[in-house]
Amino acid sequence: MSTPTHHDITPADLKRQYLLSYNAISAALWFGVLGRVVMFGLHSGLQSGEVYEQSERFTRLSQSLALLEVVHSAVGFVRAPLFTTVTQVASRLLLVWGIAYNFPQTTKHSPAYSSMLIAWSVTELIRYSYFVFLLGGKGVPKLWTWLRYNTFFVLYPLGVASECWLIYRAIPPASKLDERFGYGLWAILATYVPGFYTLFTHMLRQRSKVLRAAKAEKGKKAQ
């Protein structure tokens, strides 16, 4: 009978390695989205349609990977609230599959598409990188903690405003396909107010928790 050694891999190790890989891949994908928006936006302009042409499919596939986050929350891999996770992932999937993919005529030349992708990609690059640092066991740089819990004050309203505008612009063509689609999009727009409040206050609570922990840690070191 063999005895355990320090080389044995535990289920916790496997979970950590999986989450580390998932977050690293996701960070790289969103860096790719940001790079495309900046490159083609600066080269051709935000209304040229080039950002859409070069980013739409890549963004759609990158965002679809986030379906795994619903699974992670549901099975207890992470502590993220399931309702909050489902809400955020569902709204993003609506935008990339329901709006941008199906209604390019209202999305392709809109600056709101680029501003939405900038808000998303910067947010996700910071968030996924934060978890890479955390899971890597080397500690999270103070700058990254500051970015994680402060940039949402600007990026989240920017993203929500851009999303709402793109949904609103898609209502006429959606209604031409079927009136119920148009009514459905109006109903979704109505959920953005409580949805914004829920997610924004969730981030505020997380920010307060992290700041309190950092203050307590600083107090211990000062003693």
Protein backbone atom coordinates (compact mmCIF):
# COMPACT_ATOMS: atom_id res chain seq x y z
CA MET A 1 0.00 0.00 0.00
CA SER A 2 1.55 3.30 -1.11
CA THR A 3 1.69 6.23 1.25
CA PRO A 4 0.64 9.74 0.17
CA THR A 5 3.44 12.11 -0.79
CA HIS A 6 3.59 15.83 -1.28
CA HIS A 7 3.35 15.11 -5.04
CA ASP A 8 -0.20 13.73 -4.76
CA ILE A 9 -2.79 15.81 -6.62
CA THR A 10 -5.94 16.48 -4.64
CA PRO A 11 -9.39 17.41 -6.02
CA ALA A 12 -8.80 20.93 -4.69
CA ASP A 13 -5.58 21.14 -6.73
CA LEU A 14 -7.42 20.03 -9.87
CA LYS A 15 -10.16 22.59 -9.32
CA ARG A 16 -7.62 25.36 -8.78
CA GLN A 17 -5.69 24.41 -11.92
CA TYR A 18 -8.90 24.27 -13.95
CA LEU A 19 -10.08 27.68 -12.72
CA LEU A 20 -6.61 29.14 -13.25
CA SER A 21 -6.62 27.89 -16.86
CA TYR A 22 -10.17 29.10 -17.46
CA ASN A 23 -9.40 32.60 -16.18
CA ALA A 24 -6.11 32.83 -18.06
CA ILE A 25 -7.77 31.81 -21.35
CA SER A 26 -10.66 34.21 -20.77
CA ALA A 27 -8.28 37.09 -19.99
CA ALA A 28 -6.39 36.39 -23.21
CA LEU A 29 -9.60 36.30 -25.25
CA TRP A 30 -10.84 39.62 -23.90
CA PHE A 31 -7.43 41.17 -24.46
CA GLY A 32 -7.91 40.06 -28.06
CA VAL A 33 -11.32 41.75 -28.20
CA LEU A 34 -9.90 44.99 -26.79
CA GLY A 35 -6.99 44.90 -29.21
CA ARG A 36 -9.32 44.50 -32.20
CA VAL A 37 -11.57 47.36 -31.13
CA VAL A 38 -8.66 49.72 -30.53
CA MET A 39 -6.77 48.72 -33.68
CA PHE A 40 -9.65 48.90 -36.15
CA GLY A 41 -11.41 51.75 -34.35
CA LEU A 42 -8.33 53.96 -34.60
CA HIS A 43 -7.58 52.86 -38.16
CA SER A 44 -11.03 53.11 -39.71
CA GLY A 45 -13.23 54.95 -37.20
CA LEU A 46 -15.99 53.68 -34.93
CA GLN A 47 -18.73 54.19 -37.54
CA SER A 48 -16.97 52.51 -40.45
CA GLY A 49 -18.24 49.05 -39.64
CA GLU A 50 -14.71 47.69 -39.50
CA VAL A 51 -14.80 47.13 -35.73
CA TYR A 52 -17.94 45.03 -36.17
CA GLU A 53 -16.54 43.07 -39.12
CA GLN A 54 -13.31 42.23 -37.33
CA SER A 55 -14.66 41.71 -33.80
CA GLU A 56 -18.24 40.41 -33.89
CA ARG A 57 -17.61 36.68 -34.33
CA PHE A 58 -14.57 36.65 -32.03
CA THR A 59 -16.51 38.52 -29.32
CA ARG A 60 -19.54 36.25 -29.69
CA LEU A 61 -17.46 33.12 -29.20
CA SER A 62 -15.43 34.66 -26.35
CA GLN A 63 -18.58 35.69 -24.50
CA SER A 64 -20.21 32.29 -25.06
CA LEU A 65 -17.41 30.71 -23.04
CA ALA A 66 -18.84 32.54 -20.01
CA LEU A 67 -21.69 30.00 -19.94
CA LEU A 68 -19.21 27.94 -17.93
CA GLU A 69 -19.43 30.56 -15.19
CA VAL A 70 -23.08 29.66 -14.63
CA VAL A 71 -21.98 26.05 -14.23
CA HIS A 72 -19.15 27.08 -11.87
CA SER A 73 -21.60 28.96 -9.66
CA ALA A 74 -24.29 26.25 -9.79
CA VAL A 75 -21.96 23.43 -8.72
CA GLY A 76 -20.14 25.50 -6.10
CA PHE A 77 -16.79 25.86 -7.86
CA VAL A 78 -16.90 29.58 -7.09
CA ARG A 79 -18.76 31.68 -4.51
CA ALA A 80 -20.40 34.01 -7.04
CA PRO A 81 -24.19 34.29 -6.50
CA LEU A 82 -26.00 32.18 -9.10
CA PHE A 83 -28.73 34.76 -9.81
CA THR A 84 -26.21 37.55 -10.38
CA THR A 85 -24.10 35.32 -12.63
CA VAL A 86 -27.08 34.15 -14.69
CA THR A 87 -28.36 37.72 -15.08
CA GLN A 88 -25.05 39.07 -16.32
CA VAL A 89 -24.26 36.17 -18.66
CA ALA A 90 -27.80 36.16 -20.10
CA SER A 91 -27.73 39.89 -20.86
CA ARG A 92 -24.36 39.55 -22.59
CA LEU A 93 -25.55 36.58 -24.66
CA LEU A 94 -28.63 38.54 -25.69
CA LEU A 95 -26.36 41.29 -27.01
CA VAL A 96 -23.88 39.10 -28.90
CA TRP A 97 -26.34 36.51 -30.26
CA GLY A 98 -29.74 38.20 -30.21
CA ILE A 99 -28.75 41.73 -31.24
CA ALA A 100 -25.29 42.03 -32.85
CA TYR A 101 -25.47 38.72 -34.73
CA ASN A 102 -29.09 38.98 -35.90
CA PHE A 103 -29.34 42.73 -36.53
CA PRO A 104 -26.05 43.90 -38.05
CA GLN A 105 -27.90 46.72 -39.83
CA THR A 106 -28.45 48.52 -36.51
CA THR A 107 -25.20 47.46 -34.86
CA LYS A 108 -22.45 47.50 -37.46
CA HIS A 109 -22.00 51.28 -37.79
CA SER A 110 -23.02 52.28 -34.28
CA PRO A 111 -20.33 53.73 -31.98
CA ALA A 112 -22.31 52.13 -29.14
CA TYR A 113 -21.09 48.72 -30.32
CA SER A 114 -17.48 49.81 -29.89
CA SER A 115 -18.11 51.50 -26.53
CA MET A 116 -19.88 48.36 -25.31
CA LEU A 117 -16.94 46.17 -26.32
CA ILE A 118 -14.46 48.54 -24.69
CA ALA A 119 -16.44 48.49 -21.43
CA TRP A 120 -16.79 44.71 -21.53
CA SER A 121 -13.23 43.89 -22.54
CA VAL A 122 -11.49 46.20 -20.06
CA THR A 123 -13.77 44.96 -17.28
CA GLU A 124 -13.20 41.31 -18.11
CA LEU A 125 -9.48 41.67 -18.69
CA ILE A 126 -9.13 43.17 -15.21
CA ARG A 127 -11.51 40.64 -13.60
CA TYR A 128 -10.03 37.49 -15.13
CA SER A 129 -6.45 38.68 -14.56
CA TYR A 130 -7.35 39.39 -10.93
CA PHE A 131 -8.41 35.77 -10.47
CA VAL A 132 -5.29 34.52 -12.27
CA PHE A 133 -3.18 36.39 -9.71
CA LEU A 134 -5.37 35.12 -6.87
CA LEU A 135 -5.34 31.47 -7.97
CA GLY A 136 -1.64 31.62 -8.83
CA GLY A 137 -0.88 31.97 -5.13
CA LYS A 138 1.55 34.88 -5.51
CA GLY A 139 -0.89 37.52 -4.32
CA VAL A 140 -2.81 40.18 -6.23
CA PRO A 141 -0.91 43.41 -7.02
CA LYS A 142 -2.40 46.44 -5.25
CA LEU A 143 -2.90 48.16 -8.59
CA TRP A 144 -5.00 45.27 -9.86
CA THR A 145 -7.14 45.26 -6.72
CA TRP A 146 -7.71 48.99 -7.15
CA LEU A 147 -8.66 48.52 -10.81
CA ARG A 148 -10.96 45.60 -10.00
CA TYR A 149 -12.95 47.53 -7.41
CA ASN A 150 -12.94 51.05 -8.85
CA THR A 151 -13.12 50.99 -12.65
CA PHE A 152 -16.68 49.64 -12.59
CA PHE A 153 -17.86 53.13 -11.54
CA VAL A 154 -17.19 54.22 -15.14
CA LEU A 155 -17.18 51.00 -17.15
CA TYR A 156 -20.43 49.53 -15.87
CA PRO A 157 -22.63 52.57 -16.70
CA LEU A 158 -20.86 52.87 -20.07
CA GLY A 159 -21.54 49.23 -20.86
CA VAL A 160 -25.18 49.36 -19.74
CA ALA A 161 -25.89 52.57 -21.69
CA SER A 162 -24.34 51.06 -24.82
CA GLU A 163 -26.30 47.82 -24.42
CA CYS A 164 -29.59 49.67 -23.95
CA TRP A 165 -29.00 51.78 -27.05
CA LEU A 166 -28.23 48.74 -29.20
CA ILE A 167 -31.32 46.90 -27.93
CA TYR A 168 -33.48 49.99 -28.56
CA ARG A 169 -32.13 50.33 -32.12
CA ALA A 170 -32.93 46.67 -32.80
CA ILE A 171 -36.61 46.96 -31.83
CA PRO A 172 -37.93 48.20 -35.23
CA PRO A 173 -36.32 45.42 -37.33
CA ALA A 174 -37.20 42.86 -34.66
CA SER A 175 -40.84 43.99 -34.75
CA LYS A 176 -40.90 43.59 -38.53
CA LEU A 177 -39.97 39.94 -38.10
CA ASP A 178 -42.59 39.41 -35.40
CA GLU A 179 -44.32 41.96 -33.19
CA ARG A 180 -43.68 39.73 -30.19
CA PHE A 181 -39.91 40.12 -30.67
CA GLY A 182 -40.28 43.89 -30.40
CA TYR A 183 -42.41 43.64 -27.27
CA GLY A 184 -39.89 41.21 -25.84
CA LEU A 185 -37.05 43.68 -26.36
CA TRP A 186 -39.08 46.47 -24.73
CA ALA A 187 -39.65 44.16 -21.76
CA ILE A 188 -35.93 43.39 -21.57
CA LEU A 189 -35.11 47.11 -21.61
CA ALA A 190 -37.47 47.56 -18.67
CA THR A 191 -35.46 45.01 -16.66
CA TYR A 192 -32.26 47.01 -17.09
CA VAL A 193 -33.16 49.46 -14.31
CA PRO A 194 -33.55 46.84 -11.54
CA GLY A 195 -30.78 44.77 -13.14
CA PHE A 196 -28.37 47.71 -13.08
CA TYR A 197 -29.23 48.38 -9.44
CA THR A 198 -28.74 44.71 -8.46
CA LEU A 199 -25.36 44.28 -10.14
CA PHE A 200 -24.04 47.73 -9.23
CA THR A 201 -24.92 47.35 -5.55
CA HIS A 202 -23.39 43.85 -5.60
CA MET A 203 -20.11 45.37 -6.78
CA LEU A 204 -20.36 48.10 -4.12
CA ARG A 205 -20.76 45.45 -1.42
CA GLN A 206 -17.80 43.52 -2.78
CA ARG A 207 -15.75 46.71 -2.88
CA SER A 208 -16.62 47.55 0.74
CA LYS A 209 -15.72 44.04 1.86
CA VAL A 210 -12.33 44.15 0.13
CA LEU A 211 -11.53 47.64 1.43
CA ARG A 212 -12.41 46.61 5.00
CA ALA A 213 -10.20 43.54 4.71
CA ALA A 214 -7.33 45.61 3.32
CA LYS A 215 -7.71 48.17 6.11
CA ALA A 216 -7.73 45.44 8.76
CA GLU A 217 -4.61 43.86 7.24
CA LYS A 218 -2.86 47.22 7.18
CA GLY A 219 -3.77 47.75 10.85
CA LYS A 220 -2.27 44.39 11.82
CA LYS A 221 0.99 45.21 10.06
CA ALA A 222 1.18 48.57 11.82
CA GLN A 223 0.98 46.95 15.26
